[in-house]
């Protein structure tokens, strides 16, 4: 995973942003955007993820899921 370390000023601007964030390179070319609000579909995904995290149901590790998928391919 790529790690990018922000300066103190960048952290404050990120935390205090209220109208979305645009990431640019030194030339001003847009690299990416984070909208101020997520879509209804994204909000539904977040709600479902939070619901699942709050559940007391047992979880299946990703390694086990991948192993099961691999065994089905064979």
N, C-alpha and C. Protein backbone atom coordinates (compact mmCIF):
# COMPACT_ATOMS: atom_id res chain seq x y z
N UNK A 1 0.84 -1.17 0.00
CA UNK A 1 0.00 0.00 0.00
C UNK A 1 0.89 1.24 0.00
N UNK A 2 0.54 2.19 -0.79
CA UNK A 2 1.29 3.44 -0.85
C UNK A 2 0.91 4.33 0.32
N UNK A 3 1.91 4.89 0.97
CA UNK A 3 1.68 5.78 2.10
C UNK A 3 2.13 7.18 1.73
N UNK A 4 1.26 8.15 1.93
CA UNK A 4 1.59 9.55 1.67
C UNK A 4 1.45 10.29 2.99
N UNK A 5 2.52 10.97 3.39
CA UNK A 5 2.52 11.69 4.66
C UNK A 5 2.23 13.16 4.40
N UNK A 6 1.17 13.67 5.03
CA UNK A 6 0.77 15.06 4.86
C UNK A 6 1.51 15.96 5.84
N UNK A 7 1.71 17.20 5.44
CA UNK A 7 2.28 18.19 6.35
C UNK A 7 1.19 18.61 7.34
N UNK A 8 1.58 19.29 8.39
CA UNK A 8 0.61 19.77 9.37
C UNK A 8 -0.46 20.65 8.73
N UNK A 9 -0.05 21.54 7.83
CA UNK A 9 -1.00 22.42 7.14
C UNK A 9 -1.97 21.60 6.28
N UNK A 10 -1.44 20.61 5.58
CA UNK A 10 -2.29 19.78 4.73
C UNK A 10 -3.30 19.00 5.56
N UNK A 11 -2.87 18.51 6.71
CA UNK A 11 -3.79 17.78 7.59
C UNK A 11 -4.94 18.69 8.02
N UNK A 12 -4.61 19.90 8.45
CA UNK A 12 -5.65 20.83 8.88
C UNK A 12 -6.62 21.17 7.75
N UNK A 13 -6.10 21.38 6.56
CA UNK A 13 -6.96 21.68 5.41
C UNK A 13 -7.86 20.49 5.09
N UNK A 14 -7.31 19.29 5.19
CA UNK A 14 -8.07 18.06 4.92
C UNK A 14 -9.19 17.91 5.96
N UNK A 15 -8.85 18.05 7.23
CA UNK A 15 -9.81 17.87 8.31
C UNK A 15 -10.91 18.93 8.27
N UNK A 16 -10.55 20.15 7.91
CA UNK A 16 -11.51 21.25 7.94
C UNK A 16 -12.28 21.44 6.64
N UNK A 17 -11.99 20.66 5.63
CA UNK A 17 -12.67 20.81 4.34
C UNK A 17 -14.16 20.52 4.49
N UNK A 18 -14.98 21.38 3.93
CA UNK A 18 -16.43 21.19 4.00
C UNK A 18 -17.07 21.09 2.62
N UNK A 19 -16.31 21.39 1.59
CA UNK A 19 -16.90 21.40 0.25
C UNK A 19 -16.17 20.47 -0.71
N UNK A 20 -15.64 19.37 -0.19
CA UNK A 20 -14.93 18.41 -1.02
C UNK A 20 -13.46 18.75 -1.10
N UNK A 21 -12.69 17.82 -1.64
CA UNK A 21 -11.24 17.99 -1.75
C UNK A 21 -10.80 17.59 -3.15
N UNK A 22 -9.90 18.38 -3.72
CA UNK A 22 -9.31 18.08 -5.03
C UNK A 22 -7.81 17.92 -4.82
N UNK A 23 -7.25 16.79 -5.28
CA UNK A 23 -5.82 16.55 -5.19
C UNK A 23 -5.19 16.90 -6.52
N UNK A 24 -4.14 17.73 -6.48
CA UNK A 24 -3.46 18.17 -7.70
C UNK A 24 -1.96 17.91 -7.59
N UNK A 25 -1.32 17.75 -8.75
CA UNK A 25 0.14 17.64 -8.76
C UNK A 25 0.72 19.05 -8.73
N UNK A 26 2.05 19.18 -8.67
CA UNK A 26 2.67 20.52 -8.59
C UNK A 26 2.32 21.43 -9.78
N UNK A 27 1.92 20.86 -10.91
CA UNK A 27 1.56 21.66 -12.07
C UNK A 27 0.09 22.09 -12.04
N UNK A 28 -0.66 21.61 -11.04
CA UNK A 28 -2.08 21.95 -10.95
C UNK A 28 -3.00 20.96 -11.65
N UNK A 29 -2.43 19.88 -12.18
CA UNK A 29 -3.25 18.86 -12.83
C UNK A 29 -4.01 18.07 -11.76
N UNK A 30 -5.31 17.89 -11.98
CA UNK A 30 -6.14 17.18 -11.01
C UNK A 30 -5.81 15.69 -11.03
N UNK A 31 -5.50 15.15 -9.86
CA UNK A 31 -5.18 13.73 -9.71
C UNK A 31 -6.37 12.93 -9.18
N UNK A 32 -7.19 13.58 -8.39
CA UNK A 32 -8.35 12.90 -7.81
C UNK A 32 -9.20 13.87 -7.04
N UNK A 33 -10.41 13.41 -6.71
CA UNK A 33 -11.36 14.25 -5.98
C UNK A 33 -12.05 13.43 -4.91
N UNK A 34 -12.36 14.08 -3.81
CA UNK A 34 -13.21 13.49 -2.78
C UNK A 34 -14.39 14.45 -2.65
N UNK A 35 -15.58 14.01 -3.04
CA UNK A 35 -16.74 14.90 -2.96
C UNK A 35 -17.12 15.21 -1.52
N UNK A 36 -17.78 16.32 -1.30
CA UNK A 36 -18.20 16.72 0.04
C UNK A 36 -19.23 15.73 0.59
N UNK A 37 -20.07 15.22 -0.27
CA UNK A 37 -21.09 14.27 0.15
C UNK A 37 -21.00 13.03 -0.73
N UNK A 38 -21.30 11.89 -0.15
CA UNK A 38 -21.29 10.67 -0.95
C UNK A 38 -22.68 10.45 -1.56
N UNK A 39 -22.72 9.63 -2.57
CA UNK A 39 -23.99 9.32 -3.23
C UNK A 39 -24.84 8.47 -2.31
N UNK A 40 -26.12 8.33 -2.62
CA UNK A 40 -27.01 7.50 -1.81
C UNK A 40 -26.53 6.04 -1.81
N UNK A 41 -26.03 5.60 -2.97
CA UNK A 41 -25.51 4.23 -3.06
C UNK A 41 -24.32 4.04 -2.12
N UNK A 42 -23.39 5.00 -2.10
CA UNK A 42 -22.24 4.92 -1.21
C UNK A 42 -22.68 4.97 0.25
N UNK A 43 -23.65 5.83 0.54
CA UNK A 43 -24.16 5.94 1.91
C UNK A 43 -24.78 4.62 2.36
N UNK A 44 -25.49 3.94 1.46
CA UNK A 44 -26.10 2.64 1.78
C UNK A 44 -25.02 1.60 2.06
N UNK A 45 -23.94 1.63 1.29
CA UNK A 45 -22.83 0.69 1.50
C UNK A 45 -22.20 0.94 2.87
N UNK A 46 -22.01 2.19 3.23
CA UNK A 46 -21.42 2.54 4.52
C UNK A 46 -22.33 2.10 5.66
N UNK A 47 -23.64 2.35 5.52
CA UNK A 47 -24.58 1.92 6.56
C UNK A 47 -24.54 0.41 6.75
N UNK A 48 -24.51 -0.33 5.64
CA UNK A 48 -24.47 -1.79 5.71
C UNK A 48 -23.17 -2.27 6.36
N UNK A 49 -22.06 -1.65 6.01
CA UNK A 49 -20.77 -2.03 6.61
C UNK A 49 -20.79 -1.78 8.12
N UNK A 50 -21.34 -0.64 8.53
CA UNK A 50 -21.42 -0.34 9.96
C UNK A 50 -22.34 -1.33 10.67
N UNK A 51 -23.45 -1.69 10.02
CA UNK A 51 -24.37 -2.66 10.60
C UNK A 51 -23.67 -4.00 10.81
N UNK A 52 -22.92 -4.43 9.80
CA UNK A 52 -22.22 -5.71 9.90
C UNK A 52 -21.13 -5.68 10.97
N UNK A 53 -20.42 -4.56 11.08
CA UNK A 53 -19.38 -4.45 12.10
C UNK A 53 -19.96 -4.50 13.50
N UNK A 54 -21.17 -3.97 13.66
CA UNK A 54 -21.81 -3.95 14.97
C UNK A 54 -22.41 -5.31 15.33
N UNK A 55 -22.54 -6.19 14.37
CA UNK A 55 -23.13 -7.51 14.59
C UNK A 55 -22.22 -8.38 15.44
N UNK A 56 -22.83 -9.30 16.19
CA UNK A 56 -22.05 -10.25 16.97
C UNK A 56 -21.86 -11.57 16.22
N UNK A 57 -22.22 -11.60 14.96
CA UNK A 57 -22.06 -12.80 14.14
C UNK A 57 -20.57 -13.05 13.88
N UNK A 58 -20.19 -14.34 13.77
CA UNK A 58 -18.77 -14.64 13.50
C UNK A 58 -18.35 -14.12 12.12
N UNK A 59 -17.11 -13.75 12.02
CA UNK A 59 -16.57 -13.23 10.76
C UNK A 59 -15.69 -14.30 10.11
N UNK A 60 -15.59 -14.23 8.79
CA UNK A 60 -14.75 -15.16 8.05
C UNK A 60 -13.53 -14.39 7.54
N UNK A 61 -12.32 -14.83 7.86
CA UNK A 61 -11.12 -14.12 7.39
C UNK A 61 -11.03 -14.15 5.86
N UNK A 62 -10.48 -13.10 5.30
CA UNK A 62 -10.33 -13.00 3.85
C UNK A 62 -9.53 -14.17 3.30
N UNK A 63 -8.52 -14.61 4.04
CA UNK A 63 -7.71 -15.73 3.56
C UNK A 63 -8.56 -16.99 3.38
N UNK A 64 -9.52 -17.20 4.28
CA UNK A 64 -10.40 -18.37 4.16
C UNK A 64 -11.35 -18.22 2.97
N UNK A 65 -11.87 -17.03 2.76
CA UNK A 65 -12.75 -16.79 1.61
C UNK A 65 -11.99 -17.04 0.32
N UNK A 66 -10.78 -16.51 0.22
CA UNK A 66 -9.98 -16.71 -0.99
C UNK A 66 -9.65 -18.18 -1.21
N UNK A 67 -9.36 -18.91 -0.14
CA UNK A 67 -9.07 -20.34 -0.26
C UNK A 67 -10.29 -21.10 -0.76
N UNK A 68 -11.46 -20.74 -0.26
CA UNK A 68 -12.70 -21.39 -0.73
C UNK A 68 -12.96 -21.10 -2.20
N UNK A 69 -12.75 -19.84 -2.60
CA UNK A 69 -12.96 -19.49 -4.00
C UNK A 69 -11.98 -20.24 -4.90
N UNK A 70 -10.73 -20.33 -4.45
CA UNK A 70 -9.72 -21.03 -5.25
C UNK A 70 -10.07 -22.50 -5.41
N UNK A 71 -10.57 -23.12 -4.33
CA UNK A 71 -10.93 -24.54 -4.40
C UNK A 71 -12.10 -24.76 -5.36
N UNK A 72 -12.99 -23.80 -5.48
CA UNK A 72 -14.13 -23.93 -6.41
C UNK A 72 -13.70 -23.80 -7.85
N UNK A 73 -12.62 -23.05 -8.10
CA UNK A 73 -12.12 -22.88 -9.47
C UNK A 73 -11.52 -24.18 -9.99
N UNK A 74 -11.03 -25.03 -9.10
CA UNK A 74 -10.33 -26.26 -9.52
C UNK A 74 -11.27 -27.38 -9.75
